[in-house]
Protein backbone atom coordinates (compact mmCIF):
# COMPACT_ATOMS: atom_id res chain seq x y z
CA MET A 1 23.33 27.26 -23.94
CA PRO A 2 24.74 24.03 -25.44
CA GLU A 3 25.32 23.92 -29.17
CA LYS A 4 22.43 22.54 -31.22
CA SER A 5 22.86 19.04 -32.60
CA LEU A 6 22.82 18.40 -36.33
CA PHE A 7 19.36 16.90 -35.93
CA THR A 8 18.02 19.92 -34.03
CA LYS A 9 19.24 22.11 -36.88
CA ILE A 10 17.41 19.87 -39.38
CA ILE A 11 14.22 19.88 -37.27
CA GLU A 12 14.39 23.70 -37.10
CA ARG A 13 15.00 23.88 -40.89
CA GLU A 14 18.44 25.46 -40.51
CA ILE A 15 19.81 22.51 -42.51
CA PRO A 16 17.76 20.81 -45.24
CA GLY A 17 16.38 17.31 -44.78
CA ARG A 18 14.07 15.01 -46.73
CA PHE A 19 11.09 14.71 -44.39
CA GLU A 20 8.88 11.62 -44.55
CA HIS A 21 6.86 12.37 -41.41
CA GLU A 22 6.44 15.16 -38.91
CA ASP A 23 4.31 15.55 -35.79
CA GLU A 24 4.48 17.43 -32.49
CA HIS A 25 6.87 14.88 -30.94
CA CYS A 26 9.22 13.82 -33.73
CA VAL A 27 10.26 13.95 -37.37
CA ALA A 28 11.30 11.20 -39.79
CA ILE A 29 13.90 12.04 -42.42
CA ARG A 30 15.86 10.15 -45.07
CA ASP A 31 19.39 9.25 -43.97
CA ILE A 32 22.02 11.00 -46.10
CA ASP A 33 24.23 7.86 -46.02
CA PRO A 34 21.67 5.06 -46.43
CA GLN A 35 22.62 1.53 -45.38
CA ALA A 36 19.58 -0.01 -47.09
CA PRO A 37 17.27 0.98 -49.94
CA VAL A 38 15.04 2.57 -47.28
CA HIS A 39 16.87 4.22 -44.39
CA ILE A 40 14.83 6.64 -42.31
CA LEU A 41 15.81 8.37 -39.08
CA ILE A 42 13.03 8.99 -36.55
CA ILE A 43 14.21 11.84 -34.36
CA PRO A 44 12.50 13.25 -31.28
CA ARG A 45 12.11 17.02 -31.13
CA LYS A 46 13.32 16.82 -27.53
CA PRO A 47 17.14 16.62 -27.74
CA ILE A 48 17.87 13.54 -25.61
CA PRO A 49 21.57 12.78 -26.24
CA ARG A 50 21.18 8.97 -26.16
CA THR A 51 18.97 6.19 -24.82
CA ALA A 52 21.14 5.77 -21.71
CA LEU A 53 20.38 9.38 -20.77
CA ALA A 54 16.61 9.12 -21.16
CA ASP A 55 14.61 9.02 -17.96
CA ALA A 56 11.18 7.89 -16.80
CA SER A 57 9.59 11.12 -18.05
CA ASP A 58 10.66 10.12 -21.60
CA GLN A 59 8.80 6.81 -21.58
CA ALA A 60 5.85 7.96 -23.71
CA LEU A 61 8.16 9.69 -26.18
CA LEU A 62 10.31 6.58 -26.61
CA GLY A 63 7.20 4.51 -27.33
CA HIS A 64 6.00 7.16 -29.77
CA LEU A 65 9.26 6.85 -31.72
CA LEU A 66 8.72 3.11 -32.23
CA LEU A 67 5.08 3.56 -33.22
CA THR A 68 6.15 6.27 -35.66
CA ALA A 69 8.70 3.86 -37.16
CA LYS A 70 5.87 1.36 -37.70
CA LYS A 71 3.70 4.04 -39.30
CA VAL A 72 6.46 5.22 -41.65
CA ALA A 73 7.33 1.61 -42.56
CA ARG A 74 3.71 1.05 -43.56
CA GLN A 75 3.65 4.29 -45.60
CA LEU A 76 6.81 3.19 -47.43
CA ASN A 77 5.40 -0.28 -48.15
CA LEU A 78 7.94 -2.22 -46.11
CA ASN A 79 5.45 -5.07 -45.93
CA GLY A 80 8.11 -7.80 -46.04
CA GLY A 81 9.72 -6.52 -42.86
CA PHE A 82 12.12 -3.93 -41.58
CA ARG A 83 14.79 -3.43 -38.95
CA ILE A 84 14.85 -0.85 -36.16
CA VAL A 85 18.23 0.16 -34.70
CA ILE A 86 19.10 2.57 -31.88
CA ASN A 87 22.81 3.25 -31.35
CA ASN A 88 24.01 4.31 -27.90
CA GLY A 89 27.43 5.89 -27.37
CA PRO A 90 30.54 5.80 -29.54
CA ASP A 91 31.09 2.04 -29.13
CA GLY A 92 27.46 1.46 -30.12
CA GLY A 93 27.91 3.32 -33.41
CA GLU A 94 26.42 6.64 -32.32
CA ALA A 95 27.54 9.41 -34.69
CA VAL A 96 25.20 12.22 -33.63
CA PRO A 97 24.55 12.76 -29.90
CA HIS A 98 20.77 13.16 -30.32
CA LEU A 99 18.76 9.98 -29.79
CA HIS A 100 17.23 8.65 -33.01
CA VAL A 101 15.76 5.44 -34.39
CA HIS A 102 17.04 3.98 -37.66
CA LEU A 103 14.34 2.35 -39.79
CA LEU A 104 15.96 0.10 -42.39
CA GLY A 105 14.20 -1.88 -45.09
CA GLY A 106 13.80 -2.68 -48.74
CA ARG A 107 16.21 -5.65 -48.68
CA GLN A 108 16.88 -8.83 -46.73
CA MET A 109 18.73 -8.00 -43.50
CA SER A 110 21.58 -10.25 -42.37
CA TRP A 111 22.39 -11.41 -38.85
CA PRO A 112 24.44 -10.61 -36.90
CA PRO A 113 24.05 -6.97 -37.90
CA GLY A 114 27.53 -5.66 -37.18
């Protein structure tokens, strides 16, 4: 059995996390190294390593992650806007090999992002 990812350990409460949302498909937690005043990670319970390894059977889950980001943004009063980021692979900035959506807000975002 492959080793559990950091995020799986948080989802299973083996490691603490600051939960903002939880449902049967995903959780939303505060990032421990925030890059904006609001920085939430929306993490699927299913441990998909990265977007490039998702398949057609994950389509509904991927959509659910984005709709959850919208819901959490509304709950956190990000009415002026927010940014959604998904990193893929080491060159894309991926630090944990468990697909997740970054929800960033609470300040003006610059462009280009990185």
